[in-house]
């Protein structure tokens, strides 16, 4: 949990973008991997959003 506190909202946003790009790249090859990356990207985006709101 200490690792999460060191991440900035920008890092979480960039990680979510990378997950969305990776999901689109493997969409035709692995449908399970597509959904894993998609869900992980959404989770990272929501965590970044909540961290941004709490820092204000």
PDB file of N, CA and C in Angstrom:
ATOM      1  N   UNK A   1       0.820  -1.192   0.000  1.00  0.00           N
ATOM      2  CA  UNK A   1       0.000   0.000   0.000  1.00  0.00           C
ATOM      3  C   UNK A   1       0.863   1.254   0.000  1.00  0.00           C
ATOM      4  N   UNK A   2       2.084   1.155   0.475  1.00  0.00           N
ATOM      5  CA  UNK A   2       2.981   2.292   0.491  1.00  0.00           C
ATOM      6  C   UNK A   2       3.325   2.735  -0.928  1.00  0.00           C
ATOM      7  N   UNK A   3       3.348   1.785  -1.863  1.00  0.00           N
ATOM      8  CA  UNK A   3       3.644   2.103  -3.251  1.00  0.00           C
ATOM      9  C   UNK A   3       2.571   3.017  -3.848  1.00  0.00           C
ATOM     10  N   UNK A   4       1.325   2.795  -3.471  1.00  0.00           N
ATOM     11  CA  UNK A   4       0.221   3.614  -3.985  1.00  0.00           C
ATOM     12  C   UNK A   4       0.362   5.069  -3.538  1.00  0.00           C
ATOM     13  N   UNK A   5       0.824   5.297  -2.327  1.00  0.00           N
ATOM     14  CA  UNK A   5       0.936   6.667  -1.812  1.00  0.00           C
ATOM     15  C   UNK A   5       2.038   7.451  -2.518  1.00  0.00           C
ATOM     16  N   UNK A   6       3.014   6.768  -3.099  1.00  0.00           N
ATOM     17  CA  UNK A   6       4.098   7.449  -3.792  1.00  0.00           C
ATOM     18  C   UNK A   6       3.732   7.831  -5.227  1.00  0.00           C
ATOM     19  N   UNK A   7       2.667   7.243  -5.763  1.00  0.00           N
ATOM     20  CA  UNK A   7       2.256   7.545  -7.139  1.00  0.00           C
ATOM     21  C   UNK A   7       1.518   8.877  -7.199  1.00  0.00           C
ATOM     22  N   UNK A   8       1.808   9.642  -8.225  1.00  0.00           N
ATOM     23  CA  UNK A   8       1.081  10.888  -8.441  1.00  0.00           C
ATOM     24  C   UNK A   8      -0.122  10.596  -9.344  1.00  0.00           C
ATOM     25  N   UNK A   9      -1.114  11.482  -9.350  1.00  0.00           N
ATOM     26  CA  UNK A   9      -2.250  11.273 -10.244  1.00  0.00           C
ATOM     27  C   UNK A   9      -1.843  11.188 -11.716  1.00  0.00           C
ATOM     28  N   UNK A  10      -0.832  11.955 -12.098  1.00  0.00           N
ATOM     29  CA  UNK A  10      -0.367  11.913 -13.483  1.00  0.00           C
ATOM     30  C   UNK A  10       0.178  10.533 -13.839  1.00  0.00           C
ATOM     31  N   UNK A  11       0.899   9.903 -12.918  1.00  0.00           N
ATOM     32  CA  UNK A  11       1.410   8.555 -13.159  1.00  0.00           C
ATOM     33  C   UNK A  11       0.267   7.564 -13.352  1.00  0.00           C
ATOM     34  N   UNK A  12      -0.768   7.700 -12.554  1.00  0.00           N
ATOM     35  CA  UNK A  12      -1.915   6.797 -12.682  1.00  0.00           C
ATOM     36  C   UNK A  12      -2.650   7.028 -14.000  1.00  0.00           C
ATOM     37  N   UNK A  13      -2.762   8.288 -14.424  1.00  0.00           N
ATOM     38  CA  UNK A  13      -3.395   8.577 -15.717  1.00  0.00           C
ATOM     39  C   UNK A  13      -2.590   7.986 -16.871  1.00  0.00           C
ATOM     40  N   UNK A  14      -1.268   8.142 -16.808  1.00  0.00           N
ATOM     41  CA  UNK A  14      -0.421   7.592 -17.866  1.00  0.00           C
ATOM     42  C   UNK A  14      -0.482   6.067 -17.891  1.00  0.00           C
ATOM     43  N   UNK A  15      -0.536   5.452 -16.726  1.00  0.00           N
ATOM     44  CA  UNK A  15      -0.663   3.998 -16.661  1.00  0.00           C
ATOM     45  C   UNK A  15      -1.991   3.542 -17.250  1.00  0.00           C
ATOM     46  N   UNK A  16      -3.054   4.301 -17.018  1.00  0.00           N
ATOM     47  CA  UNK A  16      -4.342   3.930 -17.592  1.00  0.00           C
ATOM     48  C   UNK A  16      -4.330   4.068 -19.113  1.00  0.00           C
ATOM     49  N   UNK A  17      -3.682   5.102 -19.624  1.00  0.00           N
ATOM     50  CA  UNK A  17      -3.576   5.264 -21.081  1.00  0.00           C
ATOM     51  C   UNK A  17      -2.783   4.112 -21.689  1.00  0.00           C
ATOM     52  N   UNK A  18      -1.682   3.729 -21.048  1.00  0.00           N
ATOM     53  CA  UNK A  18      -0.890   2.597 -21.537  1.00  0.00           C
ATOM     54  C   UNK A  18      -1.705   1.301 -21.531  1.00  0.00           C
ATOM     55  N   UNK A  19      -2.511   1.119 -20.514  1.00  0.00           N
ATOM     56  CA  UNK A  19      -3.359  -0.077 -20.461  1.00  0.00           C
ATOM     57  C   UNK A  19      -4.397  -0.066 -21.580  1.00  0.00           C
ATOM     58  N   UNK A  20      -4.982   1.090 -21.870  1.00  0.00           N
ATOM     59  CA  UNK A  20      -5.955   1.173 -22.957  1.00  0.00           C
ATOM     60  C   UNK A  20      -5.302   0.903 -24.311  1.00  0.00           C
ATOM     61  N   UNK A  21      -4.097   1.411 -24.512  1.00  0.00           N
ATOM     62  CA  UNK A  21      -3.378   1.162 -25.764  1.00  0.00           C
ATOM     63  C   UNK A  21      -3.035  -0.315 -25.894  1.00  0.00           C
ATOM     64  N   UNK A  22      -2.547  -0.915 -24.804  1.00  0.00           N
ATOM     65  CA  UNK A  22      -2.218  -2.343 -24.828  1.00  0.00           C
ATOM     66  C   UNK A  22      -3.465  -3.187 -25.070  1.00  0.00           C
ATOM     67  N   UNK A  23      -4.581  -2.776 -24.486  1.00  0.00           N
ATOM     68  CA  UNK A  23      -5.830  -3.512 -24.696  1.00  0.00           C
ATOM     69  C   UNK A  23      -6.239  -3.477 -26.164  1.00  0.00           C
ATOM     70  N   UNK A  24      -6.094  -2.328 -26.803  1.00  0.00           N
ATOM     71  CA  UNK A  24      -6.445  -2.236 -28.220  1.00  0.00           C
ATOM     72  C   UNK A  24      -5.491  -3.026 -29.102  1.00  0.00           C
ATOM     73  N   UNK A  25      -4.221  -3.114 -28.695  1.00  0.00           N
ATOM     74  CA  UNK A  25      -3.261  -3.865 -29.499  1.00  0.00           C
ATOM     75  C   UNK A  25      -3.501  -5.371 -29.458  1.00  0.00           C
ATOM     76  N   UNK A  26      -3.969  -5.881 -28.318  1.00  0.00           N
ATOM     77  CA  UNK A  26      -4.155  -7.336 -28.202  1.00  0.00           C
ATOM     78  C   UNK A  26      -5.618  -7.748 -28.304  1.00  0.00           C
ATOM     79  N   UNK A  27      -6.476  -6.850 -28.728  1.00  0.00           N
ATOM     80  CA  UNK A  27      -7.912  -7.129 -28.775  1.00  0.00           C
ATOM     81  C   UNK A  27      -8.248  -8.335 -29.647  1.00  0.00           C
ATOM     82  N   UNK A  28      -7.625  -8.471 -30.798  1.00  0.00           N
ATOM     83  CA  UNK A  28      -7.949  -9.567 -31.710  1.00  0.00           C
ATOM     84  C   UNK A  28      -7.276 -10.877 -31.321  1.00  0.00           C
ATOM     85  N   UNK A  29      -6.181 -10.810 -30.586  1.00  0.00           N
ATOM     86  CA  UNK A  29      -5.437 -12.016 -30.242  1.00  0.00           C
ATOM     87  C   UNK A  29      -5.930 -12.685 -28.970  1.00  0.00           C
ATOM     88  N   UNK A  30      -6.247 -11.912 -27.962  1.00  0.00           N
ATOM     89  CA  UNK A  30      -6.626 -12.473 -26.669  1.00  0.00           C
ATOM     90  C   UNK A  30      -7.749 -11.638 -26.065  1.00  0.00           C
ATOM     91  N   UNK A  31      -8.943 -12.190 -26.057  1.00  0.00           N
ATOM     92  CA  UNK A  31     -10.087 -11.438 -25.536  1.00  0.00           C
ATOM     93  C   UNK A  31     -10.007 -11.324 -24.019  1.00  0.00           C
ATOM     94  N   UNK A  32      -9.436 -12.321 -23.351  1.00  0.00           N
ATOM     95  CA  UNK A  32      -9.290 -12.253 -21.893  1.00  0.00           C
ATOM     96  C   UNK A  32      -8.273 -11.175 -21.530  1.00  0.00           C
ATOM     97  N   UNK A  33      -7.148 -11.140 -22.229  1.00  0.00           N
ATOM     98  CA  UNK A  33      -6.149 -10.100 -21.993  1.00  0.00           C
ATOM     99  C   UNK A  33      -6.699  -8.717 -22.272  1.00  0.00           C
ATOM    100  N   UNK A  34      -7.552  -8.621 -23.280  1.00  0.00           N
ATOM    101  CA  UNK A  34      -8.184  -7.338 -23.607  1.00  0.00           C
ATOM    102  C   UNK A  34      -8.988  -6.817 -22.422  1.00  0.00           C
ATOM    103  N   UNK A  35      -9.816  -7.678 -21.851  1.00  0.00           N
ATOM    104  CA  UNK A  35     -10.640  -7.251 -20.724  1.00  0.00           C
ATOM    105  C   UNK A  35      -9.820  -7.004 -19.466  1.00  0.00           C
ATOM    106  N   UNK A  36      -8.755  -7.754 -19.266  1.00  0.00           N
ATOM    107  CA  UNK A  36      -7.883  -7.523 -18.106  1.00  0.00           C
ATOM    108  C   UNK A  36      -7.246  -6.143 -18.199  1.00  0.00           C
ATOM    109  N   UNK A  37      -6.682  -5.809 -19.356  1.00  0.00           N
ATOM    110  CA  UNK A  37      -6.070  -4.491 -19.528  1.00  0.00           C
ATOM    111  C   UNK A  37      -7.117  -3.380 -19.464  1.00  0.00           C
ATOM    112  N   UNK A  38      -8.284  -3.635 -20.008  1.00  0.00           N
ATOM    113  CA  UNK A  38      -9.344  -2.629 -19.993  1.00  0.00           C
ATOM    114  C   UNK A  38      -9.788  -2.319 -18.565  1.00  0.00           C
ATOM    115  N   UNK A  39     -10.020  -3.355 -17.778  1.00  0.00           N
ATOM    116  CA  UNK A  39     -10.453  -3.157 -16.389  1.00  0.00           C
ATOM    117  C   UNK A  39      -9.342  -2.504 -15.572  1.00  0.00           C
ATOM    118  N   UNK A  40      -8.104  -2.938 -15.778  1.00  0.00           N
ATOM    119  CA  UNK A  40      -6.988  -2.338 -15.046  1.00  0.00           C
ATOM    120  C   UNK A  40      -6.818  -0.864 -15.412  1.00  0.00           C
ATOM    121  N   UNK A  41      -7.042  -0.521 -16.667  1.00  0.00           N
ATOM    122  CA  UNK A  41      -6.965   0.872 -17.089  1.00  0.00           C
ATOM    123  C   UNK A  41      -8.043   1.727 -16.447  1.00  0.00           C
ATOM    124  N   UNK A  42      -9.244   1.197 -16.357  1.00  0.00           N
ATOM    125  CA  UNK A  42     -10.341   1.933 -15.726  1.00  0.00           C
ATOM    126  C   UNK A  42     -10.060   2.120 -14.235  1.00  0.00           C
ATOM    127  N   UNK A  43      -9.541   1.081 -13.588  1.00  0.00           N
ATOM    128  CA  UNK A  43      -9.220   1.179 -12.159  1.00  0.00           C
ATOM    129  C   UNK A  43      -8.135   2.224 -11.925  1.00  0.00           C
ATOM    130  N   UNK A  44      -7.104   2.225 -12.752  1.00  0.00           N
ATOM    131  CA  UNK A  44      -6.035   3.220 -12.606  1.00  0.00           C
ATOM    132  C   UNK A  44      -6.559   4.628 -12.823  1.00  0.00           C
ATOM    133  N   UNK A  45      -7.449   4.800 -13.783  1.00  0.00           N
ATOM    134  CA  UNK A  45      -8.018   6.117 -14.032  1.00  0.00           C
ATOM    135  C   UNK A  45      -8.840   6.587 -12.842  1.00  0.00           C
ATOM    136  N   UNK A  46      -9.654   5.716 -12.274  1.00  0.00           N
ATOM    137  CA  UNK A  46     -10.492   6.083 -11.127  1.00  0.00           C
ATOM    138  C   UNK A  46      -9.621   6.391  -9.909  1.00  0.00           C
ATOM    139  N   UNK A  47      -8.564   5.597  -9.688  1.00  0.00           N
ATOM    140  CA  UNK A  47      -7.660   5.874  -8.571  1.00  0.00           C
ATOM    141  C   UNK A  47      -6.963   7.220  -8.749  1.00  0.00           C
ATOM    142  N   UNK A  48      -6.541   7.533  -9.966  1.00  0.00           N
ATOM    143  CA  UNK A  48      -5.922   8.831 -10.229  1.00  0.00           C
ATOM    144  C   UNK A  48      -6.887   9.972 -10.018  1.00  0.00           C
ATOM    145  N   UNK A  49      -8.128   9.769 -10.416  1.00  0.00           N
ATOM    146  CA  UNK A  49      -9.151  10.798 -10.232  1.00  0.00           C
ATOM    147  C   UNK A  49      -9.432  11.053  -8.759  1.00  0.00           C
ATOM    148  N   UNK A  50      -9.574   9.992  -7.984  1.00  0.00           N
ATOM    149  CA  UNK A  50      -9.848  10.162  -6.557  1.00  0.00           C
ATOM    150  C   UNK A  50      -8.646  10.769  -5.830  1.00  0.00           C
ATOM    151  N   UNK A  51      -7.451  10.383  -6.252  1.00  0.00           N
ATOM    152  CA  UNK A  51      -6.257  10.963  -5.632  1.00  0.00           C
ATOM    153  C   UNK A  51      -6.144  12.455  -5.962  1.00  0.00           C
ATOM    154  N   UNK A  52      -6.525  12.813  -7.157  1.00  0.00           N
ATOM    155  CA  UNK A  52      -6.498  14.231  -7.562  1.00  0.00           C
ATOM    156  C   UNK A  52      -7.519  15.041  -6.776  1.00  0.00           C
ATOM    157  N   UNK A  53      -8.697  14.475  -6.568  1.00  0.00           N
ATOM    158  CA  UNK A  53      -9.745  15.176  -5.814  1.00  0.00           C
ATOM    159  C   UNK A  53      -9.347  15.342  -4.353  1.00  0.00           C
ATOM    160  N   UNK A  54      -8.705  14.300  -3.776  1.00  0.00           N
ATOM    161  CA  UNK A  54      -8.312  14.367  -2.371  1.00  0.00           C
ATOM    162  C   UNK A  54      -7.165  15.346  -2.150  1.00  0.00           C
ATOM    163  N   UNK A  55      -6.346  15.598  -3.145  1.00  0.00           N
ATOM    164  CA  UNK A  55      -5.203  16.493  -2.965  1.00  0.00           C
ATOM    165  C   UNK A  55      -5.582  17.958  -3.016  1.00  0.00           C
ATOM    166  N   UNK A  56      -6.785  18.276  -3.474  1.00  0.00           N
ATOM    167  CA  UNK A  56      -7.206  19.684  -3.548  1.00  0.00           C
ATOM    168  C   UNK A  56      -7.727  20.176  -2.241  1.00  0.00           C
TER     169      UNK A  56
END
